[in-house]
Amino acid sequence: MGVKRFWLAKVGDHGEVPGPEVYWMQWFDRWVRLSFYSLIINTDDGYVLVGTGLVRDLTLRNKFLREWAGSDRCRFTVSEDEKIENVLRRLNLRPDDIAHVVITPVQDYTVGNIDLFKKAKIYFSRRGWFEDVVNPRPSPFLNRDIYLPRYVREYLFEEAWDRIVLLNDEDVVVPGVRVKWTGCHHRSSMAIILETKDGIVSYTDAAFTMRNITENVPIGIAEDIYECLNAYEYLRGISKYIIPAYDPENVSRYKQWII
């Protein structure tokens, strides 16, 4: 099977965001809580980490959010317990024990501590790499220094260059762990699909909360809402459990996997 065990770890908080960010063209009068997570997967081919946590300096991101939302209620925060090195420590692991790091999507809440992982192969969506990382056109939505800070770019293009692996739309990372390109949220968005003894477990940023999946409501910050709907249909068809990437209820809904 390949997957021995896996854990879901909260690695930061988003506070509350305007409802239409989470539910496309809905909930204009509400705010929705969101959280950030990483997956740690113990496999026959070493430990796989999905997402490295938030960037260490959140000044630019929170300035952008304050100006965008007109409020401080959706600012990014990270507690000491949520720092990825402390998450790993609770499992008696160090960054050097991680053999594979998967980044999805390419954003400041997934790449923030990528430079801690000196021995790991680093996996990106091939499509996302060209659209979100090396695309010379400036993003029409966000300053690149926010979602891909300079220290991350320098690490990727200098120190980690020979450890980067680009994944096709459906590829295996290690036996028992594969990806499915979804798009929807970003060009670099991939669902992570785990073959476990309890059945297929999928982790996806195409859904922010479980309501996106159960009620078939695309996320509001979507680059293509039809990709969202396609992702929900596909993941419902193959999965016993689906973990929405930012749902604060994950910590209670999936408490058997929380670390």
Protein backbone atom coordinates (compact mmCIF):
# COMPACT_ATOMS: atom_id res chain seq x y z
CA MET A 1 0.00 0.00 0.00
CA GLY A 2 2.85 2.40 0.81
CA VAL A 3 1.12 4.65 3.40
CA LYS A 4 1.78 3.49 6.95
CA ARG A 5 0.18 6.41 8.75
CA PHE A 6 -0.55 10.09 8.24
CA TRP A 7 -1.28 13.16 10.34
CA LEU A 8 -3.07 16.46 9.73
CA ALA A 9 -1.55 19.48 11.48
CA LYS A 10 -2.91 23.00 11.85
CA VAL A 11 -0.08 25.34 10.87
CA GLY A 12 -1.79 28.74 10.96
CA ASP A 13 -5.00 30.71 11.04
CA HIS A 14 -6.77 33.04 8.60
CA GLY A 15 -9.25 34.51 11.05
CA GLU A 16 -12.48 35.27 9.20
CA VAL A 17 -12.92 36.09 5.51
CA PRO A 18 -15.87 37.56 3.58
CA GLY A 19 -18.41 34.85 2.70
CA PRO A 20 -18.17 35.22 -1.10
CA GLU A 21 -14.46 34.31 -0.90
CA VAL A 22 -15.46 30.83 0.25
CA TYR A 23 -18.84 30.34 -1.44
CA TRP A 24 -19.14 31.68 -4.97
CA MET A 25 -21.73 34.51 -5.18
CA GLN A 26 -23.15 33.60 -1.74
CA TRP A 27 -23.02 34.79 1.88
CA PHE A 28 -22.35 38.46 1.14
CA ASP A 29 -23.55 39.32 4.65
CA ARG A 30 -21.39 36.78 6.52
CA TRP A 31 -17.81 36.09 7.45
CA VAL A 32 -16.29 32.57 7.44
CA ARG A 33 -13.44 31.22 9.53
CA LEU A 34 -10.55 29.47 7.78
CA SER A 35 -7.43 27.64 8.99
CA PHE A 36 -4.26 26.34 7.36
CA TYR A 37 -2.98 22.75 7.50
CA SER A 38 -0.08 20.53 6.51
CA LEU A 39 -0.13 16.77 5.94
CA ILE A 40 2.65 14.54 7.24
CA ILE A 41 2.63 11.08 5.67
CA ASN A 42 4.74 8.12 6.78
CA THR A 43 5.34 5.85 3.78
CA ASP A 44 7.55 2.93 2.79
CA ASP A 45 9.56 5.47 0.77
CA GLY A 46 10.09 7.96 3.59
CA TYR A 47 8.14 10.83 5.08
CA VAL A 48 6.10 13.05 2.75
CA LEU A 49 5.16 16.58 3.83
CA VAL A 50 2.39 18.47 2.02
CA GLY A 51 2.82 22.19 2.68
CA THR A 52 5.56 23.75 4.83
CA GLY A 53 3.47 26.36 6.63
CA LEU A 54 3.19 30.14 6.49
CA VAL A 55 5.99 32.57 5.70
CA ARG A 56 7.86 33.84 8.73
CA ASP A 57 7.16 37.53 8.04
CA LEU A 58 3.46 38.13 7.47
CA THR A 59 3.67 41.93 7.22
CA LEU A 60 3.07 42.21 3.46
CA ARG A 61 0.28 39.63 3.43
CA ASN A 62 -1.60 41.20 6.32
CA LYS A 63 -1.23 44.69 4.86
CA PHE A 64 -2.76 43.38 1.63
CA LEU A 65 -5.61 41.68 3.51
CA ARG A 66 -6.36 44.79 5.55
CA GLU A 67 -6.59 46.95 2.43
CA TRP A 68 -8.58 44.32 0.52
CA ALA A 69 -11.13 43.44 3.23
CA GLY A 70 -11.18 46.76 5.04
CA SER A 71 -10.70 44.89 8.30
CA ASP A 72 -8.10 43.14 10.44
CA ARG A 73 -10.44 40.24 11.13
CA CYS A 74 -8.96 38.11 8.29
CA ARG A 75 -5.27 38.48 9.12
CA PHE A 76 -2.84 35.53 8.99
CA THR A 77 -1.39 34.33 12.31
CA VAL A 78 0.86 31.47 13.41
CA SER A 79 1.31 30.30 17.00
CA GLU A 80 4.45 28.62 18.33
CA ASP A 81 2.70 25.23 18.35
CA GLU A 82 1.71 25.71 14.70
CA LYS A 83 5.23 26.29 13.39
CA ILE A 84 6.15 23.34 11.19
CA GLU A 85 9.36 22.54 13.05
CA ASN A 86 7.34 22.25 16.29
CA VAL A 87 4.67 20.15 14.56
CA LEU A 88 7.39 17.76 13.41
CA ARG A 89 8.97 17.74 16.86
CA ARG A 90 5.74 16.36 18.31
CA LEU A 91 6.25 13.38 16.00
CA ASN A 92 9.93 13.13 17.00
CA LEU A 93 10.91 14.27 13.51
CA ARG A 94 13.30 16.91 12.21
CA PRO A 95 13.17 18.68 8.84
CA ASP A 96 16.01 16.44 7.62
CA ASP A 97 13.79 13.40 8.22
CA ILE A 98 11.41 14.56 5.46
CA ALA A 99 12.24 12.91 2.13
CA HIS A 100 9.53 14.49 -0.04
CA VAL A 101 7.86 17.93 0.13
CA VAL A 102 4.77 18.55 -2.03
CA ILE A 103 3.72 22.16 -2.61
CA THR A 104 0.08 22.80 -3.47
CA PRO A 105 -0.88 25.48 -4.19
CA VAL A 106 2.13 27.79 -4.60
CA GLN A 107 1.23 30.36 -1.95
CA ASP A 108 2.79 31.97 1.10
CA TYR A 109 0.88 29.59 3.40
CA THR A 110 2.48 26.49 1.79
CA VAL A 111 6.04 27.59 0.92
CA GLY A 112 6.93 29.56 4.05
CA ASN A 113 9.43 27.10 5.52
CA ILE A 114 10.56 25.31 2.38
CA ASP A 115 14.16 26.32 3.09
CA LEU A 116 14.21 24.14 6.24
CA PHE A 117 14.05 20.99 4.14
CA LYS A 118 17.62 20.56 2.92
CA LYS A 119 17.43 16.90 1.91
CA ALA A 120 13.93 16.53 0.49
CA LYS A 121 12.83 16.35 -3.11
CA ILE A 122 10.39 19.20 -3.73
CA TYR A 123 7.36 18.51 -5.91
CA PHE A 124 5.25 21.00 -7.87
CA SER A 125 2.54 20.67 -10.47
CA ARG A 126 4.27 21.01 -13.84
CA ARG A 127 1.44 23.23 -15.05
CA GLY A 128 1.55 25.24 -11.83
CA TRP A 129 5.33 25.64 -11.98
CA PHE A 130 5.10 27.39 -15.33
CA GLU A 131 2.00 29.43 -14.48
CA ASP A 132 2.62 30.35 -10.84
CA VAL A 133 6.40 30.19 -10.35
CA VAL A 134 8.38 31.01 -13.49
CA ASN A 135 5.72 32.91 -15.44
CA PRO A 136 7.38 36.25 -16.30
CA ARG A 137 4.06 38.09 -16.38
CA PRO A 138 3.15 39.81 -13.10
CA SER A 139 0.13 38.36 -11.34
CA PRO A 140 -2.96 40.50 -11.92
CA PHE A 141 -4.18 39.58 -8.44
CA LEU A 142 -1.24 39.57 -6.03
CA ASN A 143 2.28 40.87 -5.57
CA ARG A 144 4.71 37.98 -6.17
CA ASP A 145 6.67 39.03 -3.09
CA ILE A 146 3.58 38.09 -1.07
CA TYR A 147 2.80 34.63 -2.41
CA LEU A 148 6.37 33.65 -3.37
CA PRO A 149 8.78 35.70 -1.25
CA ARG A 150 12.31 36.42 -2.40
CA TYR A 151 13.96 34.05 0.10
CA VAL A 152 11.79 31.21 -1.22
CA ARG A 153 12.63 32.03 -4.83
CA GLU A 154 16.33 32.19 -4.04
CA TYR A 155 16.20 28.85 -2.23
CA LEU A 156 14.36 27.14 -5.09
CA PHE A 157 16.51 28.53 -7.89
CA GLU A 158 19.86 28.17 -6.15
CA GLU A 159 20.13 25.67 -3.31
CA ALA A 160 17.21 23.32 -4.12
CA TRP A 161 17.32 23.47 -7.93
CA ASP A 162 18.50 19.89 -8.45
CA ARG A 163 15.87 18.50 -6.06
CA ILE A 164 12.80 19.95 -7.81
CA VAL A 165 10.40 17.43 -9.39
CA LEU A 166 7.58 18.53 -11.70
CA LEU A 167 4.44 16.40 -11.59
CA ASN A 168 2.06 15.81 -14.46
CA ASP A 169 -1.69 16.10 -14.01
CA GLU A 170 -1.93 12.57 -12.57
CA ASP A 171 1.34 11.34 -11.09
CA VAL A 172 2.61 9.22 -8.22
CA VAL A 173 4.81 10.91 -5.63
CA VAL A 174 5.60 7.64 -3.84
CA PRO A 175 3.59 4.40 -3.79
CA GLY A 176 0.36 5.13 -1.94
CA VAL A 177 0.55 8.90 -2.50
CA ARG A 178 -0.51 10.40 -5.81
CA VAL A 179 -1.75 13.72 -7.13
CA LYS A 180 -4.59 14.86 -9.34
CA TRP A 181 -4.33 18.33 -10.86
CA THR A 182 -7.51 20.22 -10.07
CA GLY A 183 -6.90 23.83 -10.90
CA CYS A 184 -9.93 25.66 -9.53
CA HIS A 185 -8.16 27.72 -6.86
CA HIS A 186 -4.77 28.17 -8.56
CA ARG A 187 -2.93 26.75 -11.56
CA SER A 188 -0.66 24.99 -9.06
CA SER A 189 -3.51 23.31 -7.17
CA MET A 190 -3.40 19.52 -6.91
CA ALA A 191 -5.48 17.10 -4.85
CA ILE A 192 -3.36 14.77 -2.70
CA ILE A 193 -4.75 11.24 -2.78
CA LEU A 194 -3.70 8.73 -0.12
CA GLU A 195 -4.29 4.99 -0.32
CA THR A 196 -4.72 4.01 3.33
CA LYS A 197 -5.91 0.90 5.14
CA ASP A 198 -9.17 2.79 5.84
CA GLY A 199 -9.75 3.67 2.17
CA ILE A 200 -8.92 6.61 -0.08
CA VAL A 201 -8.31 9.90 1.73
CA SER A 202 -8.12 13.03 -0.44
CA TYR A 203 -6.89 16.49 0.53
CA THR A 204 -7.86 19.42 -1.71
CA ASP A 205 -7.71 23.21 -1.87
CA ALA A 206 -10.41 23.12 -4.56
CA ALA A 207 -12.70 23.11 -1.50
CA PHE A 208 -12.14 25.50 1.39
CA THR A 209 -14.79 23.89 3.61
CA MET A 210 -16.87 20.74 3.50
CA ARG A 211 -19.89 22.74 2.38
CA ASN A 212 -18.21 23.38 -0.98
CA ILE A 213 -18.21 19.63 -1.57
CA THR A 214 -21.48 18.54 -0.02
CA GLU A 215 -23.56 21.35 -1.55
CA ASN A 216 -21.54 21.62 -4.78
CA VAL A 217 -20.78 25.31 -4.24
CA PRO A 218 -17.56 26.47 -5.94
CA ILE A 219 -15.09 28.50 -3.92
CA GLY A 220 -15.30 32.24 -4.44
CA ILE A 221 -11.58 32.75 -5.12
CA ALA A 222 -11.55 30.41 -8.10
CA GLU A 223 -9.66 30.79 -11.34
CA ASP A 224 -12.24 28.46 -12.94
CA ILE A 225 -15.44 27.44 -11.13
CA TYR A 226 -16.04 24.53 -13.52
CA GLU A 227 -12.71 23.04 -12.48
CA CYS A 228 -14.02 23.21 -8.90
CA LEU A 229 -17.17 21.31 -9.78
CA ASN A 230 -15.16 18.72 -11.74
CA ALA A 231 -12.84 18.25 -8.77
CA TYR A 232 -15.75 17.70 -6.35
CA GLU A 233 -17.32 15.11 -8.65
CA TYR A 234 -14.04 13.27 -9.12
CA LEU A 235 -13.08 13.26 -5.43
CA ARG A 236 -16.55 12.21 -4.25
CA GLY A 237 -16.35 9.31 -6.68
CA ILE A 238 -13.03 7.90 -5.42
CA SER A 239 -12.72 8.98 -1.78
CA LYS A 240 -13.92 7.62 1.51
CA TYR A 241 -12.81 10.84 3.20
CA ILE A 242 -12.22 14.29 1.70
CA ILE A 243 -10.27 16.88 3.68
CA PRO A 244 -11.02 20.48 2.58
CA ALA A 245 -7.76 22.40 2.82
CA TYR A 246 -8.91 25.29 5.05
CA ASP A 247 -11.89 24.06 7.04
CA PRO A 248 -11.50 24.85 10.78
CA GLU A 249 -13.82 21.92 11.47
CA ASN A 250 -11.11 19.53 10.27
CA VAL A 251 -9.67 19.48 13.78
CA SER A 252 -12.86 17.95 15.17
CA ARG A 253 -14.16 16.14 12.07
CA TYR A 254 -10.84 14.32 11.57
CA LYS A 255 -9.51 14.36 15.13
CA GLN A 256 -8.15 10.82 14.72
CA TRP A 257 -5.49 12.27 12.39
CA ILE A 258 -4.77 15.57 14.14
CA ILE A 259 -1.32 16.14 15.63
